Amino acid sequence: MEILSIVGAHANESLEEIFSRKMQDVKKYGMTFWLYKSWGCKPAQCENAKKVIFLESSSKGRGARPTTVAENAREYSLDNKTWDKIPYNLQVTGQLPAYAFILKDLQIVDETYDIGSAKFMLGKSTVIKDDSAKSGVCRKVMAIGAIKNVVYVR
């Protein structure tokens, strides 16, 4: 199972700046949180996922849109019941409540990926791809993250 996530600029921060900051988190703390808000990939649905593939948005405008919402998440939970503080004062921003990948590694890549049967739409820019179907529809891969956990954030 893989997670596909369309990414873009966020709250006056370019995608390059976001990736740089998140990779610094991993280097310094061994982890980072990547917030997302998508009904296509709730934490319980993707608990066995090992990686997330961050894809460039299509020219058709489907999926992630730049956002100006930058609420600071302060807590995370594995079960949406017991909450812990986000460690190291990591910057985790977006429209809350939401979900987050806790990444133990993040690497910039320059390749393409066949999205197969994955369907993206507004509100569903992060999805689970649990088949190996090929569609011939490819997207540019921006980065690949190694998932430690998928959590709820608020």
N, C-alpha and C. Protein backbone atom coordinates (compact mmCIF):
# COMPACT_ATOMS: atom_id res chain seq x y z
N MET A 1 0.83 -1.18 0.00
CA MET A 1 0.00 0.00 0.00
C MET A 1 0.88 1.24 0.00
N GLU A 2 0.53 2.17 -0.88
CA GLU A 2 1.22 3.45 -0.94
C GLU A 2 0.20 4.56 -0.77
N ILE A 3 0.68 5.67 -0.28
CA ILE A 3 -0.14 6.86 -0.14
C ILE A 3 0.34 7.85 -1.20
N LEU A 4 -0.61 8.41 -1.94
CA LEU A 4 -0.30 9.44 -2.92
C LEU A 4 -0.89 10.75 -2.42
N SER A 5 -0.11 11.81 -2.44
CA SER A 5 -0.57 13.09 -1.92
C SER A 5 -0.16 14.22 -2.86
N ILE A 6 -1.14 14.95 -3.34
CA ILE A 6 -0.85 16.11 -4.19
C ILE A 6 -0.50 17.28 -3.28
N VAL A 7 0.61 17.94 -3.57
CA VAL A 7 1.09 19.01 -2.70
C VAL A 7 1.29 20.30 -3.48
N GLY A 8 1.31 21.38 -2.70
CA GLY A 8 1.53 22.70 -3.30
C GLY A 8 1.93 23.70 -2.23
N ALA A 9 2.01 24.94 -2.63
CA ALA A 9 2.35 26.02 -1.70
C ALA A 9 1.34 26.06 -0.57
N HIS A 10 1.76 26.59 0.58
CA HIS A 10 0.89 26.59 1.75
C HIS A 10 1.18 27.80 2.62
N ALA A 11 0.15 28.59 2.89
CA ALA A 11 0.25 29.71 3.83
C ALA A 11 1.47 30.58 3.61
N ASN A 12 1.60 31.08 2.40
CA ASN A 12 2.70 31.98 2.02
C ASN A 12 4.08 31.34 2.09
N GLU A 13 4.14 30.03 2.01
CA GLU A 13 5.41 29.31 2.00
C GLU A 13 5.45 28.45 0.74
N SER A 14 6.52 28.57 -0.04
CA SER A 14 6.63 27.78 -1.27
C SER A 14 6.84 26.31 -0.94
N LEU A 15 6.55 25.45 -1.88
CA LEU A 15 6.75 24.03 -1.68
C LEU A 15 8.21 23.71 -1.40
N GLU A 16 9.12 24.40 -2.07
CA GLU A 16 10.54 24.19 -1.83
C GLU A 16 10.92 24.54 -0.40
N GLU A 17 10.37 25.64 0.11
CA GLU A 17 10.64 26.04 1.51
C GLU A 17 10.08 25.01 2.49
N ILE A 18 8.90 24.49 2.19
CA ILE A 18 8.29 23.48 3.06
C ILE A 18 9.14 22.22 3.08
N PHE A 19 9.52 21.73 1.91
CA PHE A 19 10.36 20.53 1.87
C PHE A 19 11.68 20.75 2.60
N SER A 20 12.30 21.89 2.41
CA SER A 20 13.56 22.19 3.08
C SER A 20 13.40 22.17 4.60
N ARG A 21 12.34 22.82 5.10
CA ARG A 21 12.10 22.85 6.54
C ARG A 21 11.83 21.46 7.09
N LYS A 22 11.04 20.68 6.38
CA LYS A 22 10.70 19.33 6.84
C LYS A 22 11.93 18.43 6.83
N MET A 23 12.79 18.56 5.83
CA MET A 23 14.01 17.75 5.79
C MET A 23 14.97 18.15 6.91
N GLN A 24 14.99 19.44 7.27
CA GLN A 24 15.78 19.88 8.42
C GLN A 24 15.25 19.27 9.71
N ASP A 25 13.92 19.20 9.86
CA ASP A 25 13.32 18.54 11.03
C ASP A 25 13.81 17.10 11.14
N VAL A 26 13.78 16.38 10.03
CA VAL A 26 14.20 14.97 10.04
C VAL A 26 15.67 14.87 10.41
N LYS A 27 16.48 15.74 9.83
CA LYS A 27 17.92 15.72 10.13
C LYS A 27 18.19 16.01 11.60
N LYS A 28 17.49 16.99 12.16
CA LYS A 28 17.75 17.42 13.53
C LYS A 28 17.06 16.54 14.58
N TYR A 29 15.81 16.11 14.31
CA TYR A 29 15.01 15.40 15.32
C TYR A 29 14.67 13.96 14.96
N GLY A 30 15.01 13.56 13.73
CA GLY A 30 14.69 12.19 13.31
C GLY A 30 13.23 12.02 12.91
N MET A 31 12.50 13.13 12.77
CA MET A 31 11.10 13.06 12.41
C MET A 31 10.57 14.42 12.00
N THR A 32 9.45 14.41 11.31
CA THR A 32 8.69 15.62 11.03
C THR A 32 7.23 15.23 10.87
N PHE A 33 6.35 16.19 11.02
CA PHE A 33 4.92 15.97 10.81
C PHE A 33 4.54 16.64 9.49
N TRP A 34 3.78 15.93 8.66
CA TRP A 34 3.26 16.50 7.41
C TRP A 34 1.75 16.49 7.50
N LEU A 35 1.16 17.65 7.73
CA LEU A 35 -0.29 17.76 7.90
C LEU A 35 -1.00 17.62 6.56
N TYR A 36 -2.12 16.92 6.57
CA TYR A 36 -2.98 16.84 5.39
C TYR A 36 -4.43 16.77 5.84
N LYS A 37 -5.30 17.11 4.95
CA LYS A 37 -6.74 17.09 5.24
C LYS A 37 -7.42 16.51 4.02
N SER A 38 -7.75 15.22 4.09
CA SER A 38 -8.35 14.53 2.95
C SER A 38 -9.22 13.39 3.44
N TRP A 39 -10.43 13.33 2.97
CA TRP A 39 -11.31 12.23 3.38
C TRP A 39 -10.93 10.94 2.67
N GLY A 40 -9.97 10.98 1.77
CA GLY A 40 -9.55 9.78 1.05
C GLY A 40 -8.46 8.99 1.74
N CYS A 41 -8.05 9.41 2.95
CA CYS A 41 -6.94 8.74 3.62
C CYS A 41 -6.94 9.07 5.11
N LYS A 42 -7.87 8.50 5.84
CA LYS A 42 -7.93 8.72 7.28
C LYS A 42 -6.92 7.80 7.97
N PRO A 43 -6.42 8.17 9.15
CA PRO A 43 -5.36 7.39 9.80
C PRO A 43 -5.63 5.89 9.91
N ALA A 44 -6.81 5.49 10.30
CA ALA A 44 -7.11 4.06 10.46
C ALA A 44 -7.06 3.32 9.12
N GLN A 45 -7.31 4.02 8.02
CA GLN A 45 -7.31 3.40 6.70
C GLN A 45 -5.90 3.14 6.19
N CYS A 46 -4.93 3.88 6.68
CA CYS A 46 -3.58 3.77 6.10
C CYS A 46 -2.52 3.44 7.14
N GLU A 47 -2.92 2.73 8.19
CA GLU A 47 -1.96 2.42 9.25
C GLU A 47 -0.84 1.48 8.81
N ASN A 48 -1.03 0.74 7.71
CA ASN A 48 0.03 -0.16 7.23
C ASN A 48 0.89 0.45 6.13
N ALA A 49 0.65 1.68 5.79
CA ALA A 49 1.42 2.33 4.73
C ALA A 49 2.84 2.60 5.20
N LYS A 50 3.78 2.40 4.32
CA LYS A 50 5.20 2.62 4.64
C LYS A 50 5.77 3.88 4.02
N LYS A 51 5.11 4.37 2.94
CA LYS A 51 5.64 5.57 2.30
C LYS A 51 4.52 6.41 1.72
N VAL A 52 4.81 7.69 1.60
CA VAL A 52 3.91 8.63 0.95
C VAL A 52 4.67 9.25 -0.22
N ILE A 53 4.02 9.26 -1.36
CA ILE A 53 4.60 9.83 -2.57
C ILE A 53 3.93 11.19 -2.79
N PHE A 54 4.72 12.25 -2.72
CA PHE A 54 4.21 13.60 -2.87
C PHE A 54 4.27 13.98 -4.35
N LEU A 55 3.10 14.26 -4.91
CA LEU A 55 2.96 14.52 -6.34
C LEU A 55 2.68 15.98 -6.62
N GLU A 56 3.18 16.44 -7.76
CA GLU A 56 2.89 17.79 -8.22
C GLU A 56 1.43 17.85 -8.64
N SER A 57 0.81 18.98 -8.39
CA SER A 57 -0.58 19.19 -8.79
C SER A 57 -0.68 19.19 -10.31
N SER A 58 -1.80 18.71 -10.83
CA SER A 58 -1.98 18.69 -12.29
C SER A 58 -2.34 20.07 -12.79
N SER A 59 -2.20 20.25 -14.07
CA SER A 59 -2.56 21.53 -14.68
C SER A 59 -4.08 21.70 -14.75
N LYS A 60 -4.83 20.63 -14.49
CA LYS A 60 -6.29 20.68 -14.56
C LYS A 60 -6.89 21.25 -13.29
N GLY A 61 -6.06 21.52 -12.27
CA GLY A 61 -6.54 22.14 -11.05
C GLY A 61 -7.23 21.20 -10.08
N ARG A 62 -7.10 19.90 -10.28
CA ARG A 62 -7.70 18.95 -9.35
C ARG A 62 -6.77 18.73 -8.17
N GLY A 63 -7.36 18.50 -7.01
CA GLY A 63 -6.56 18.18 -5.83
C GLY A 63 -6.22 19.41 -5.02
N ALA A 64 -5.01 19.43 -4.48
CA ALA A 64 -4.61 20.47 -3.53
C ALA A 64 -4.60 21.85 -4.18
N ARG A 65 -5.11 22.81 -3.43
CA ARG A 65 -5.04 24.22 -3.84
C ARG A 65 -4.22 24.95 -2.79
N PRO A 66 -3.47 25.97 -3.19
CA PRO A 66 -2.74 26.73 -2.19
C PRO A 66 -3.70 27.25 -1.12
N THR A 67 -3.26 27.19 0.11
CA THR A 67 -4.12 27.63 1.20
C THR A 67 -3.44 28.74 1.97
N THR A 68 -4.27 29.55 2.60
CA THR A 68 -3.74 30.62 3.44
C THR A 68 -3.96 30.32 4.91
N VAL A 69 -4.60 29.20 5.21
CA VAL A 69 -4.89 28.82 6.60
C VAL A 69 -3.62 28.26 7.24
N ALA A 70 -3.24 28.82 8.38
CA ALA A 70 -2.02 28.37 9.04
C ALA A 70 -2.24 28.25 10.55
N GLU A 71 -3.26 27.50 10.94
CA GLU A 71 -3.47 27.24 12.36
C GLU A 71 -2.36 26.31 12.84
N ASN A 72 -1.85 26.55 14.03
CA ASN A 72 -0.76 25.73 14.57
C ASN A 72 -1.31 24.53 15.32
N ALA A 73 -0.96 23.35 14.85
CA ALA A 73 -1.33 22.13 15.59
C ALA A 73 -0.42 22.03 16.80
N ARG A 74 -0.99 21.67 17.93
CA ARG A 74 -0.22 21.58 19.17
C ARG A 74 -0.20 20.17 19.74
N GLU A 75 -1.17 19.34 19.30
CA GLU A 75 -1.27 17.98 19.84
C GLU A 75 -1.50 16.98 18.71
N TYR A 76 -1.13 15.72 19.00
CA TYR A 76 -1.39 14.64 18.05
C TYR A 76 -1.88 13.41 18.82
N SER A 77 -2.55 12.52 18.10
CA SER A 77 -3.10 11.32 18.71
C SER A 77 -3.10 10.17 17.71
N LEU A 78 -2.76 8.98 18.20
CA LEU A 78 -2.82 7.78 17.37
C LEU A 78 -4.25 7.27 17.24
N ASP A 79 -5.08 7.54 18.25
CA ASP A 79 -6.42 6.95 18.29
C ASP A 79 -7.55 7.97 18.36
N ASN A 80 -7.23 9.25 18.32
CA ASN A 80 -8.20 10.34 18.41
C ASN A 80 -8.86 10.40 19.80
N LYS A 81 -8.21 9.79 20.80
CA LYS A 81 -8.72 9.81 22.18
C LYS A 81 -7.66 10.33 23.15
N THR A 82 -6.48 9.76 23.09
CA THR A 82 -5.37 10.15 23.95
C THR A 82 -4.45 11.08 23.16
N TRP A 83 -4.20 12.25 23.72
CA TRP A 83 -3.45 13.29 22.99
C TRP A 83 -2.11 13.58 23.66
N ASP A 84 -1.09 13.80 22.85
CA ASP A 84 0.25 14.19 23.30
C ASP A 84 0.64 15.49 22.60
N LYS A 85 1.54 16.23 23.24
CA LYS A 85 2.05 17.46 22.62
C LYS A 85 2.94 17.10 21.44
N ILE A 86 2.87 17.91 20.40
CA ILE A 86 3.77 17.74 19.27
C ILE A 86 5.18 18.07 19.76
N PRO A 87 6.13 17.15 19.56
CA PRO A 87 7.47 17.34 20.13
C PRO A 87 8.30 18.41 19.42
N TYR A 88 9.30 18.87 20.12
CA TYR A 88 10.34 19.76 19.60
C TYR A 88 9.81 21.09 19.05
N ASN A 89 8.58 21.46 19.40
CA ASN A 89 7.98 22.68 18.84
C ASN A 89 7.99 22.67 17.31
N LEU A 90 7.80 21.49 16.73
CA LEU A 90 7.77 21.37 15.27
C LEU A 90 6.64 22.22 14.72
N GLN A 91 6.90 22.85 13.58
CA GLN A 91 5.88 23.67 12.92
C GLN A 91 4.97 22.76 12.12
N VAL A 92 3.71 22.65 12.57
CA VAL A 92 2.70 21.82 11.91
C VAL A 92 1.48 22.72 11.73
N THR A 93 1.27 23.19 10.51
CA THR A 93 0.22 24.17 10.28
C THR A 93 -0.74 23.73 9.20
N GLY A 94 -1.94 24.26 9.29
CA GLY A 94 -2.97 24.00 8.31
C GLY A 94 -4.32 24.25 8.91
N GLN A 95 -5.36 23.81 8.23
CA GLN A 95 -6.72 23.95 8.75
C GLN A 95 -7.00 22.77 9.67
N LEU A 96 -7.30 23.08 10.93
CA LEU A 96 -7.48 22.05 11.95
C LEU A 96 -8.96 21.87 12.28
N PRO A 97 -9.33 20.67 12.77
CA PRO A 97 -8.50 19.48 12.97
C PRO A 97 -8.16 18.84 11.62
N ALA A 98 -7.14 17.98 11.64
CA ALA A 98 -6.67 17.34 10.42
C ALA A 98 -5.93 16.06 10.78
N TYR A 99 -5.20 15.54 9.82
CA TYR A 99 -4.37 14.34 10.01
C TYR A 99 -2.93 14.72 9.68
N ALA A 100 -1.99 13.85 10.07
CA ALA A 100 -0.59 14.11 9.73
C ALA A 100 0.16 12.79 9.57
N PHE A 101 1.07 12.79 8.62
CA PHE A 101 2.04 11.71 8.53
C PHE A 101 3.19 12.09 9.43
N ILE A 102 3.62 11.20 10.30
CA ILE A 102 4.88 11.40 11.00
C ILE A 102 5.91 10.70 10.12
N LEU A 103 6.80 11.49 9.55
CA LEU A 103 7.80 10.97 8.63
C LEU A 103 9.14 10.80 9.32
N LYS A 104 9.79 9.67 9.06
CA LYS A 104 11.13 9.44 9.60
C LYS A 104 12.20 9.73 8.56
N ASP A 105 11.77 9.97 7.32
CA ASP A 105 12.70 10.36 6.26
C ASP A 105 11.90 11.07 5.18
N LEU A 106 12.55 11.98 4.48
CA LEU A 106 11.94 12.71 3.38
C LEU A 106 13.04 13.02 2.37
N GLN A 107 12.82 12.56 1.14
CA GLN A 107 13.82 12.75 0.09
C GLN A 107 13.19 13.41 -1.13
N ILE A 108 13.85 14.44 -1.64
CA ILE A 108 13.43 15.07 -2.89
C ILE A 108 13.81 14.12 -4.03
N VAL A 109 12.89 13.94 -4.97
CA VAL A 109 13.17 13.10 -6.14
C VAL A 109 12.68 13.83 -7.39
N ASP A 110 13.14 13.37 -8.52
CA ASP A 110 12.72 13.94 -9.80
C ASP A 110 12.41 12.77 -10.71
N GLU A 111 11.16 12.32 -10.65
CA GLU A 111 10.73 11.19 -11.47
C GLU A 111 9.24 11.32 -11.72
N THR A 112 8.70 10.42 -12.50
CA THR A 112 7.26 10.40 -12.72
C THR A 112 6.69 9.12 -12.13
N TYR A 113 5.38 9.13 -11.91
CA TYR A 113 4.71 8.00 -11.26
C TYR A 113 3.36 7.78 -11.92
N ASP A 114 3.08 6.56 -12.30
CA ASP A 114 1.78 6.20 -12.87
C ASP A 114 0.79 6.07 -11.71
N ILE A 115 -0.23 6.91 -11.69
CA ILE A 115 -1.15 6.93 -10.56
C ILE A 115 -2.19 5.80 -10.61
N GLY A 116 -2.19 5.02 -11.68
CA GLY A 116 -3.09 3.88 -11.75
C GLY A 116 -4.54 4.27 -11.59
N SER A 117 -5.24 3.60 -10.69
CA SER A 117 -6.67 3.84 -10.50
C SER A 117 -6.97 4.94 -9.48
N ALA A 118 -5.95 5.60 -8.96
CA ALA A 118 -6.16 6.66 -7.96
C ALA A 118 -6.96 7.81 -8.55
N LYS A 119 -7.95 8.26 -7.80
CA LYS A 119 -8.81 9.37 -8.23
C LYS A 119 -8.70 10.51 -7.22
N PHE A 120 -8.30 11.68 -7.72
CA PHE A 120 -8.18 12.87 -6.88
C PHE A 120 -9.31 13.83 -7.20
N MET A 121 -9.71 14.59 -6.20
CA MET A 121 -10.71 15.65 -6.39
C MET A 121 -10.57 16.62 -5.23
N LEU A 122 -11.27 17.72 -5.33
CA LEU A 122 -11.22 18.70 -4.26
C LEU A 122 -11.67 18.06 -2.96
N GLY A 123 -10.86 18.18 -1.91
CA GLY A 123 -11.15 17.54 -0.63
C GLY A 123 -10.58 16.14 -0.52
N LYS A 124 -10.04 15.64 -1.62
CA LYS A 124 -9.47 14.29 -1.65
C LYS A 124 -8.14 14.33 -2.41
N SER A 125 -7.19 15.08 -1.87
CA SER A 125 -5.90 15.23 -2.53
C SER A 125 -4.85 14.26 -1.99
N THR A 126 -5.22 13.47 -0.99
CA THR A 126 -4.37 12.40 -0.46
C THR A 126 -5.19 11.13 -0.47
N VAL A 127 -4.66 10.10 -1.16
CA VAL A 127 -5.42 8.86 -1.33
C VAL A 127 -4.52 7.64 -1.10
N ILE A 128 -5.18 6.51 -0.87
CA ILE A 128 -4.49 5.23 -0.72
C ILE A 128 -4.46 4.56 -2.08
N LYS A 129 -3.30 4.08 -2.46
CA LYS A 129 -3.17 3.30 -3.70
C LYS A 129 -2.75 1.90 -3.28
N ASP A 130 -3.71 0.98 -3.30
CA ASP A 130 -3.41 -0.37 -2.83
C ASP A 130 -3.42 -1.40 -3.94
N ASP A 131 -3.28 -0.94 -5.17
CA ASP A 131 -3.19 -1.87 -6.28
C ASP A 131 -1.98 -1.50 -7.13
N SER A 132 -1.67 -2.36 -8.06
CA SER A 132 -0.51 -2.09 -8.93
C SER A 132 -0.97 -1.73 -10.34
N ALA A 133 -2.24 -1.38 -10.49
CA ALA A 133 -2.78 -1.04 -11.80
C ALA A 133 -2.02 0.12 -12.43
N LYS A 134 -1.83 0.04 -13.71
CA LYS A 134 -1.21 1.12 -14.48
C LYS A 134 -2.28 1.75 -15.35
N SER A 135 -2.24 3.07 -15.46
CA SER A 135 -3.25 3.77 -16.25
C SER A 135 -2.63 4.54 -17.41
N GLY A 136 -1.34 4.76 -17.35
CA GLY A 136 -0.70 5.62 -18.33
C GLY A 136 -0.79 7.09 -17.95
N VAL A 137 -1.50 7.38 -16.84
CA VAL A 137 -1.61 8.75 -16.35
C VAL A 137 -0.50 8.95 -15.32
N CYS A 138 0.44 9.81 -15.67
CA CYS A 138 1.61 10.01 -14.80
C CYS A 138 1.62 11.42 -14.22
N ARG A 139 2.16 11.50 -13.03
CA ARG A 139 2.36 12.78 -12.35
C ARG A 139 3.83 12.88 -11.96
N LYS A 140 4.31 14.11 -11.87
CA LYS A 140 5.68 14.34 -11.42
C LYS A 140 5.75 14.11 -9.91
N VAL A 141 6.73 13.32 -9.49
CA VAL A 141 6.97 13.08 -8.07
C VAL A 141 7.90 14.18 -7.56
N MET A 142 7.48 14.85 -6.48
CA MET A 142 8.29 15.90 -5.88
C MET A 142 9.20 15.35 -4.79
N ALA A 143 8.67 14.42 -3.99
CA ALA A 143 9.42 13.86 -2.86
C ALA A 143 8.75 12.56 -2.43
N ILE A 144 9.50 11.77 -1.66
CA ILE A 144 8.99 10.53 -1.08
C ILE A 144 9.32 10.55 0.41
N GLY A 145 8.31 10.27 1.22
CA GLY A 145 8.48 10.25 2.67
C GLY A 145 8.30 8.85 3.23
N ALA A 146 9.14 8.48 4.19
CA ALA A 146 9.01 7.19 4.89
C ALA A 146 8.13 7.43 6.12
N ILE A 147 7.02 6.69 6.19
CA ILE A 147 6.03 6.91 7.24
C ILE A 147 6.37 6.11 8.49
N LYS A 148 6.38 6.82 9.62
CA LYS A 148 6.51 6.18 10.92
C LYS A 148 5.12 5.90 11.50
N ASN A 149 4.24 6.90 11.43
CA ASN A 149 2.85 6.78 11.91
C ASN A 149 1.97 7.75 11.14
N VAL A 150 0.67 7.49 11.21
CA VAL A 150 -0.33 8.42 10.67
C VAL A 150 -1.22 8.77 11.86
N VAL A 151 -1.38 10.07 12.10
CA VAL A 151 -2.03 10.51 13.34
C VAL A 151 -3.08 11.59 13.08
N TYR A 152 -3.85 11.84 14.12
CA TYR A 152 -4.78 12.96 14.16
C TYR A 152 -4.03 14.14 14.77
N VAL A 153 -4.32 15.35 14.30
CA VAL A 153 -3.70 16.55 14.89
C VAL A 153 -4.77 17.59 15.15
N ARG A 154 -4.52 18.39 16.20
CA ARG A 154 -5.41 19.51 16.53
C ARG A 154 -4.60 20.61 17.18
